[in-house]
Amino acid sequence: MLKQKKLIIGGIIILAAIGILSFISFKGAATYYYTVSEVLTTQSNLGNQNIRVAGKVIEGSIVREKSGNTIVFILADLVDPTKRVNITYQGAVPDAFKEGNEAVVEGKFSDKDTFKAQQIIVKCPSKYVPKE
């Protein structure tokens, strides 16, 4: 009887530990991203924190600077393309990063008008969808 209680209590402790560790790891992996409209309206409340912003890269907006590997481009809101954010990024860009594609940039605002991206994540292109 005593052995059975110890086994049950031990099982409960192990299950609780697994549950807590799972919750902590999933919480850290889930990262919310803002739309361009959301980030423009809440920019003053964001402060200096690292965030993700999703949008569409505007056609003709990508400018590659000759010195180094810095690029500048404009990210527009998917719903309201008139809402736009200027993005600067230094580093290697993904192969699928092109004008007209959707992208998520991670970083923070360096000033009121410019978002300094530390990472660019390109959404899956529609080339995988069969043509009608």
N, C-alpha and C. Protein backbone atom coordinates (compact mmCIF):
# COMPACT_ATOMS: atom_id res chain seq x y z
N MET A 1 0.83 -1.19 0.00
CA MET A 1 0.00 0.00 0.00
C MET A 1 0.87 1.26 0.00
N LEU A 2 1.91 1.28 0.82
CA LEU A 2 2.82 2.42 0.90
C LEU A 2 3.60 2.58 -0.40
N LYS A 3 4.00 1.47 -1.02
CA LYS A 3 4.71 1.50 -2.29
C LYS A 3 3.82 2.09 -3.39
N GLN A 4 2.56 1.74 -3.35
CA GLN A 4 1.61 2.22 -4.35
C GLN A 4 1.41 3.74 -4.23
N LYS A 5 1.33 4.26 -3.01
CA LYS A 5 1.17 5.71 -2.79
C LYS A 5 2.42 6.44 -3.28
N LYS A 6 3.60 5.91 -3.00
CA LYS A 6 4.84 6.54 -3.45
C LYS A 6 4.89 6.58 -4.98
N LEU A 7 4.45 5.51 -5.60
CA LEU A 7 4.43 5.45 -7.06
C LEU A 7 3.48 6.48 -7.64
N ILE A 8 2.32 6.64 -7.06
CA ILE A 8 1.33 7.60 -7.54
C ILE A 8 1.84 9.02 -7.34
N ILE A 9 2.39 9.31 -6.17
CA ILE A 9 2.93 10.64 -5.90
C ILE A 9 4.10 10.95 -6.83
N GLY A 10 4.96 9.99 -7.04
CA GLY A 10 6.09 10.16 -7.97
C GLY A 10 5.61 10.42 -9.39
N GLY A 11 4.59 9.71 -9.82
CA GLY A 11 4.03 9.91 -11.16
C GLY A 11 3.43 11.30 -11.32
N ILE A 12 2.73 11.75 -10.26
CA ILE A 12 2.13 13.09 -10.31
C ILE A 12 3.22 14.15 -10.39
N ILE A 13 4.29 13.99 -9.63
CA ILE A 13 5.40 14.95 -9.66
C ILE A 13 6.05 14.98 -11.05
N ILE A 14 6.26 13.84 -11.64
CA ILE A 14 6.87 13.77 -12.97
C ILE A 14 5.97 14.43 -14.02
N LEU A 15 4.66 14.13 -13.97
CA LEU A 15 3.73 14.74 -14.91
C LEU A 15 3.65 16.26 -14.73
N ALA A 16 3.68 16.73 -13.50
CA ALA A 16 3.67 18.17 -13.24
C ALA A 16 4.93 18.83 -13.79
N ALA A 17 6.08 18.19 -13.59
CA ALA A 17 7.34 18.74 -14.10
C ALA A 17 7.32 18.81 -15.63
N ILE A 18 6.81 17.77 -16.27
CA ILE A 18 6.73 17.77 -17.74
C ILE A 18 5.78 18.87 -18.21
N GLY A 19 4.66 19.04 -17.53
CA GLY A 19 3.71 20.09 -17.89
C GLY A 19 4.30 21.47 -17.75
N ILE A 20 5.01 21.72 -16.66
CA ILE A 20 5.61 23.04 -16.43
C ILE A 20 6.70 23.32 -17.47
N LEU A 21 7.54 22.34 -17.74
CA LEU A 21 8.60 22.53 -18.74
C LEU A 21 8.02 22.76 -20.13
N SER A 22 6.95 22.04 -20.48
CA SER A 22 6.31 22.23 -21.78
C SER A 22 5.73 23.63 -21.89
N PHE A 23 5.07 24.09 -20.85
CA PHE A 23 4.47 25.43 -20.85
C PHE A 23 5.54 26.50 -21.03
N ILE A 24 6.63 26.37 -20.31
CA ILE A 24 7.71 27.37 -20.40
C ILE A 24 8.33 27.38 -21.79
N SER A 25 8.56 26.21 -22.37
CA SER A 25 9.19 26.17 -23.69
C SER A 25 8.26 26.68 -24.78
N PHE A 26 6.97 26.37 -24.71
CA PHE A 26 6.03 26.87 -25.71
C PHE A 26 5.83 28.38 -25.57
N LYS A 27 5.84 28.87 -24.36
CA LYS A 27 5.67 30.30 -24.13
C LYS A 27 6.83 31.07 -24.75
N GLY A 28 8.03 30.55 -24.63
CA GLY A 28 9.20 31.21 -25.20
C GLY A 28 9.25 31.12 -26.71
N ALA A 29 8.68 30.07 -27.27
CA ALA A 29 8.73 29.87 -28.72
C ALA A 29 7.67 30.68 -29.45
N ALA A 30 6.58 30.99 -28.80
CA ALA A 30 5.50 31.73 -29.43
C ALA A 30 5.83 33.22 -29.42
N THR A 31 6.03 33.76 -30.61
CA THR A 31 6.35 35.17 -30.72
C THR A 31 5.27 35.86 -31.55
N TYR A 32 4.64 36.85 -30.96
CA TYR A 32 3.61 37.60 -31.65
C TYR A 32 4.27 38.61 -32.56
N TYR A 33 3.67 38.83 -33.73
CA TYR A 33 4.17 39.90 -34.58
C TYR A 33 3.06 40.90 -34.85
N TYR A 34 3.47 42.15 -35.00
CA TYR A 34 2.55 43.25 -35.26
C TYR A 34 2.38 43.44 -36.76
N THR A 35 1.23 43.95 -37.16
CA THR A 35 1.07 44.42 -38.53
C THR A 35 1.65 45.82 -38.58
N VAL A 36 1.86 46.34 -39.77
CA VAL A 36 2.42 47.68 -39.91
C VAL A 36 1.47 48.70 -39.27
N SER A 37 0.18 48.56 -39.48
CA SER A 37 -0.80 49.49 -38.89
C SER A 37 -0.73 49.47 -37.37
N GLU A 38 -0.64 48.26 -36.79
CA GLU A 38 -0.57 48.14 -35.33
C GLU A 38 0.69 48.80 -34.78
N VAL A 39 1.81 48.58 -35.44
CA VAL A 39 3.06 49.12 -34.93
C VAL A 39 3.10 50.65 -35.05
N LEU A 40 2.46 51.19 -36.06
CA LEU A 40 2.42 52.65 -36.20
C LEU A 40 1.55 53.30 -35.14
N THR A 41 0.47 52.62 -34.74
CA THR A 41 -0.41 53.20 -33.72
C THR A 41 0.11 53.00 -32.30
N THR A 42 0.90 51.94 -32.08
CA THR A 42 1.40 51.65 -30.72
C THR A 42 2.89 51.91 -30.57
N GLN A 43 3.49 52.58 -31.53
CA GLN A 43 4.95 52.79 -31.52
C GLN A 43 5.43 53.48 -30.25
N SER A 44 4.70 54.45 -29.77
CA SER A 44 5.15 55.17 -28.58
C SER A 44 5.11 54.30 -27.33
N ASN A 45 4.23 53.30 -27.30
CA ASN A 45 4.14 52.40 -26.15
C ASN A 45 5.16 51.27 -26.19
N LEU A 46 5.75 51.02 -27.35
CA LEU A 46 6.68 49.90 -27.49
C LEU A 46 8.04 50.18 -26.86
N GLY A 47 8.41 51.44 -26.79
CA GLY A 47 9.70 51.78 -26.20
C GLY A 47 10.84 51.25 -27.04
N ASN A 48 11.80 50.64 -26.37
CA ASN A 48 13.00 50.14 -27.03
C ASN A 48 13.01 48.61 -27.08
N GLN A 49 11.83 48.01 -27.05
CA GLN A 49 11.80 46.54 -27.03
C GLN A 49 11.87 45.94 -28.43
N ASN A 50 12.37 44.73 -28.50
CA ASN A 50 12.49 43.98 -29.73
C ASN A 50 11.12 43.44 -30.13
N ILE A 51 10.70 43.69 -31.36
CA ILE A 51 9.39 43.22 -31.83
C ILE A 51 9.52 42.67 -33.25
N ARG A 52 8.45 42.04 -33.71
CA ARG A 52 8.36 41.58 -35.09
C ARG A 52 7.25 42.33 -35.79
N VAL A 53 7.50 42.71 -37.04
CA VAL A 53 6.52 43.44 -37.84
C VAL A 53 6.35 42.71 -39.16
N ALA A 54 5.08 42.46 -39.52
CA ALA A 54 4.77 41.75 -40.77
C ALA A 54 4.18 42.70 -41.78
N GLY A 55 4.54 42.51 -43.04
CA GLY A 55 3.99 43.33 -44.10
C GLY A 55 4.49 42.85 -45.46
N LYS A 56 4.27 43.70 -46.46
CA LYS A 56 4.67 43.37 -47.82
C LYS A 56 5.75 44.36 -48.27
N VAL A 57 6.80 43.84 -48.90
CA VAL A 57 7.89 44.68 -49.38
C VAL A 57 7.40 45.44 -50.62
N ILE A 58 7.46 46.75 -50.56
CA ILE A 58 6.95 47.60 -51.64
C ILE A 58 7.83 47.46 -52.89
N GLU A 59 7.18 47.38 -54.05
CA GLU A 59 7.88 47.31 -55.34
C GLU A 59 8.75 48.55 -55.52
N GLY A 60 10.00 48.35 -55.90
CA GLY A 60 10.92 49.44 -56.17
C GLY A 60 11.51 50.12 -54.94
N SER A 61 11.28 49.53 -53.76
CA SER A 61 11.75 50.20 -52.55
C SER A 61 13.09 49.67 -52.02
N ILE A 62 13.55 48.55 -52.53
CA ILE A 62 14.80 47.96 -52.01
C ILE A 62 16.00 48.71 -52.59
N VAL A 63 16.81 49.27 -51.68
CA VAL A 63 18.03 49.98 -52.07
C VAL A 63 19.19 49.31 -51.34
N ARG A 64 20.13 48.81 -52.11
CA ARG A 64 21.33 48.19 -51.53
C ARG A 64 22.45 49.22 -51.53
N GLU A 65 22.98 49.50 -50.34
CA GLU A 65 24.07 50.46 -50.24
C GLU A 65 25.37 49.83 -50.74
N LYS A 66 26.17 50.61 -51.42
CA LYS A 66 27.41 50.10 -52.00
C LYS A 66 28.43 49.70 -50.94
N SER A 67 28.46 50.45 -49.85
CA SER A 67 29.43 50.13 -48.79
C SER A 67 28.80 49.13 -47.82
N GLY A 68 29.36 47.95 -47.75
CA GLY A 68 28.85 46.94 -46.82
C GLY A 68 27.64 46.21 -47.38
N ASN A 69 26.96 45.53 -46.50
CA ASN A 69 25.80 44.75 -46.92
C ASN A 69 24.51 45.26 -46.27
N THR A 70 24.32 46.57 -46.32
CA THR A 70 23.14 47.20 -45.75
C THR A 70 22.10 47.42 -46.84
N ILE A 71 20.85 47.10 -46.52
CA ILE A 71 19.75 47.39 -47.44
C ILE A 71 18.70 48.23 -46.70
N VAL A 72 18.00 49.01 -47.49
CA VAL A 72 16.91 49.83 -46.99
C VAL A 72 15.70 49.50 -47.86
N PHE A 73 14.54 49.32 -47.22
CA PHE A 73 13.32 49.05 -47.99
C PHE A 73 12.12 49.51 -47.20
N ILE A 74 10.96 49.46 -47.84
CA ILE A 74 9.72 49.89 -47.21
C ILE A 74 8.80 48.69 -47.08
N LEU A 75 8.24 48.55 -45.89
CA LEU A 75 7.29 47.48 -45.60
C LEU A 75 5.91 48.11 -45.46
N ALA A 76 4.93 47.61 -46.21
CA ALA A 76 3.58 48.16 -46.19
C ALA A 76 2.63 47.17 -45.52
N ASP A 77 1.57 47.71 -44.94
CA ASP A 77 0.53 46.89 -44.32
C ASP A 77 -0.17 46.07 -45.39
N LEU A 78 -0.57 44.85 -45.05
CA LEU A 78 -1.23 43.98 -46.02
C LEU A 78 -2.66 44.43 -46.30
N VAL A 79 -3.33 45.00 -45.31
CA VAL A 79 -4.71 45.43 -45.47
C VAL A 79 -4.79 46.85 -46.01
N ASP A 80 -3.99 47.75 -45.47
CA ASP A 80 -3.97 49.16 -45.88
C ASP A 80 -2.57 49.52 -46.35
N PRO A 81 -2.29 49.38 -47.66
CA PRO A 81 -0.93 49.62 -48.18
C PRO A 81 -0.43 51.05 -48.03
N THR A 82 -1.30 51.98 -47.62
CA THR A 82 -0.83 53.34 -47.40
C THR A 82 -0.06 53.46 -46.10
N LYS A 83 -0.23 52.51 -45.20
CA LYS A 83 0.52 52.48 -43.93
C LYS A 83 1.86 51.80 -44.21
N ARG A 84 2.95 52.54 -43.97
CA ARG A 84 4.28 52.03 -44.34
C ARG A 84 5.31 52.32 -43.26
N VAL A 85 6.34 51.46 -43.22
CA VAL A 85 7.45 51.62 -42.29
C VAL A 85 8.75 51.49 -43.07
N ASN A 86 9.69 52.40 -42.84
CA ASN A 86 11.02 52.31 -43.44
C ASN A 86 11.85 51.32 -42.64
N ILE A 87 12.51 50.40 -43.32
CA ILE A 87 13.30 49.36 -42.67
C ILE A 87 14.74 49.46 -43.13
N THR A 88 15.68 49.36 -42.19
CA THR A 88 17.09 49.20 -42.55
C THR A 88 17.55 47.86 -41.99
N TYR A 89 18.38 47.18 -42.76
CA TYR A 89 18.87 45.86 -42.35
C TYR A 89 20.30 45.70 -42.82
N GLN A 90 21.13 45.17 -41.93
CA GLN A 90 22.52 44.90 -42.29
C GLN A 90 22.78 43.42 -42.10
N GLY A 91 23.15 42.76 -43.18
CA GLY A 91 23.42 41.33 -43.13
C GLY A 91 22.99 40.66 -44.42
N ALA A 92 23.12 39.35 -44.42
CA ALA A 92 22.72 38.57 -45.59
C ALA A 92 21.20 38.42 -45.60
N VAL A 93 20.62 38.64 -46.76
CA VAL A 93 19.16 38.51 -46.88
C VAL A 93 18.81 37.12 -47.41
N PRO A 94 17.64 36.61 -47.03
CA PRO A 94 17.21 35.29 -47.54
C PRO A 94 17.02 35.33 -49.06
N ASP A 95 17.17 34.19 -49.70
CA ASP A 95 17.03 34.11 -51.16
C ASP A 95 15.64 34.53 -51.63
N ALA A 96 14.63 34.22 -50.87
CA ALA A 96 13.25 34.52 -51.26
C ALA A 96 12.85 35.97 -51.00
N PHE A 97 13.75 36.77 -50.45
CA PHE A 97 13.45 38.18 -50.16
C PHE A 97 13.45 38.96 -51.47
N LYS A 98 12.25 39.38 -51.89
CA LYS A 98 12.09 40.13 -53.13
C LYS A 98 10.99 41.16 -52.97
N GLU A 99 10.98 42.13 -53.85
CA GLU A 99 9.92 43.12 -53.85
C GLU A 99 8.60 42.44 -54.15
N GLY A 100 7.57 42.84 -53.44
CA GLY A 100 6.25 42.26 -53.63
C GLY A 100 5.96 41.07 -52.74
N ASN A 101 6.98 40.49 -52.10
CA ASN A 101 6.78 39.35 -51.21
C ASN A 101 6.45 39.81 -49.80
N GLU A 102 5.78 38.94 -49.05
CA GLU A 102 5.51 39.22 -47.65
C GLU A 102 6.74 38.87 -46.83
N ALA A 103 6.98 39.67 -45.78
CA ALA A 103 8.13 39.43 -44.92
C ALA A 103 7.79 39.83 -43.49
N VAL A 104 8.51 39.23 -42.56
CA VAL A 104 8.43 39.59 -41.15
C VAL A 104 9.83 40.03 -40.75
N VAL A 105 9.93 41.24 -40.18
CA VAL A 105 11.23 41.74 -39.74
C VAL A 105 11.23 41.81 -38.22
N GLU A 106 12.37 41.45 -37.64
CA GLU A 106 12.51 41.49 -36.19
C GLU A 106 13.57 42.52 -35.83
N GLY A 107 13.26 43.38 -34.88
CA GLY A 107 14.20 44.41 -34.46
C GLY A 107 13.50 45.44 -33.60
N LYS A 108 13.97 46.70 -33.72
CA LYS A 108 13.36 47.79 -32.94
C LYS A 108 13.52 49.10 -33.69
N PHE A 109 12.74 50.09 -33.27
CA PHE A 109 12.82 51.40 -33.90
C PHE A 109 14.09 52.10 -33.46
N SER A 110 14.88 52.59 -34.43
CA SER A 110 16.08 53.36 -34.10
C SER A 110 15.71 54.82 -33.90
N ASP A 111 14.69 55.26 -34.59
CA ASP A 111 14.11 56.58 -34.37
C ASP A 111 12.63 56.51 -34.77
N LYS A 112 11.98 57.64 -34.82
CA LYS A 112 10.53 57.66 -35.07
C LYS A 112 10.16 57.06 -36.42
N ASP A 113 10.99 57.26 -37.43
CA ASP A 113 10.63 56.87 -38.78
C ASP A 113 11.31 55.61 -39.30
N THR A 114 12.31 55.11 -38.61
CA THR A 114 13.09 53.99 -39.14
C THR A 114 13.12 52.81 -38.17
N PHE A 115 12.82 51.63 -38.72
CA PHE A 115 12.87 50.38 -37.96
C PHE A 115 14.16 49.68 -38.34
N LYS A 116 15.00 49.40 -37.36
CA LYS A 116 16.28 48.72 -37.61
C LYS A 116 16.08 47.24 -37.39
N ALA A 117 16.06 46.48 -38.47
CA ALA A 117 15.81 45.04 -38.41
C ALA A 117 17.11 44.30 -38.11
N GLN A 118 16.99 43.28 -37.27
CA GLN A 118 18.12 42.40 -36.97
C GLN A 118 17.97 41.07 -37.69
N GLN A 119 16.74 40.79 -38.15
CA GLN A 119 16.46 39.53 -38.83
C GLN A 119 15.31 39.74 -39.81
N ILE A 120 15.40 39.09 -40.97
CA ILE A 120 14.31 39.11 -41.94
C ILE A 120 13.84 37.67 -42.15
N ILE A 121 12.54 37.47 -42.01
CA ILE A 121 11.94 36.16 -42.24
C ILE A 121 10.97 36.34 -43.40
N VAL A 122 11.18 35.58 -44.47
CA VAL A 122 10.34 35.71 -45.65
C VAL A 122 9.23 34.67 -45.57
N LYS A 123 8.01 35.12 -45.82
CA LYS A 123 6.87 34.20 -45.84
C LYS A 123 6.98 33.34 -47.09
N CYS A 124 6.39 32.16 -47.03
CA CYS A 124 6.42 31.23 -48.17
C CYS A 124 5.82 31.90 -49.41
N PRO A 125 6.52 31.88 -50.52
CA PRO A 125 5.97 32.46 -51.73
C PRO A 125 4.83 31.62 -52.27
N SER A 126 4.02 32.23 -53.09
CA SER A 126 2.85 31.53 -53.63
C SER A 126 3.21 30.61 -54.79
N LYS A 127 4.49 30.46 -55.10
CA LYS A 127 4.87 29.61 -56.22
C LYS A 127 4.55 28.12 -55.98
N TYR A 128 4.24 27.78 -54.73
CA TYR A 128 3.91 26.41 -54.41
C TYR A 128 2.43 26.10 -54.64
N VAL A 129 1.66 27.13 -54.93
CA VAL A 129 0.23 26.95 -55.18
C VAL A 129 0.06 26.62 -56.64
N PRO A 130 -0.70 25.57 -56.96
CA PRO A 130 -0.86 25.22 -58.38
C PRO A 130 -1.63 26.31 -59.13
N LYS A 131 -1.26 26.52 -60.39
CA LYS A 131 -1.93 27.51 -61.22
C LYS A 131 -3.32 27.03 -61.56
N GLU A 132 -4.24 27.98 -61.66
CA GLU A 132 -5.63 27.62 -62.00
C GLU A 132 -5.80 27.48 -63.48
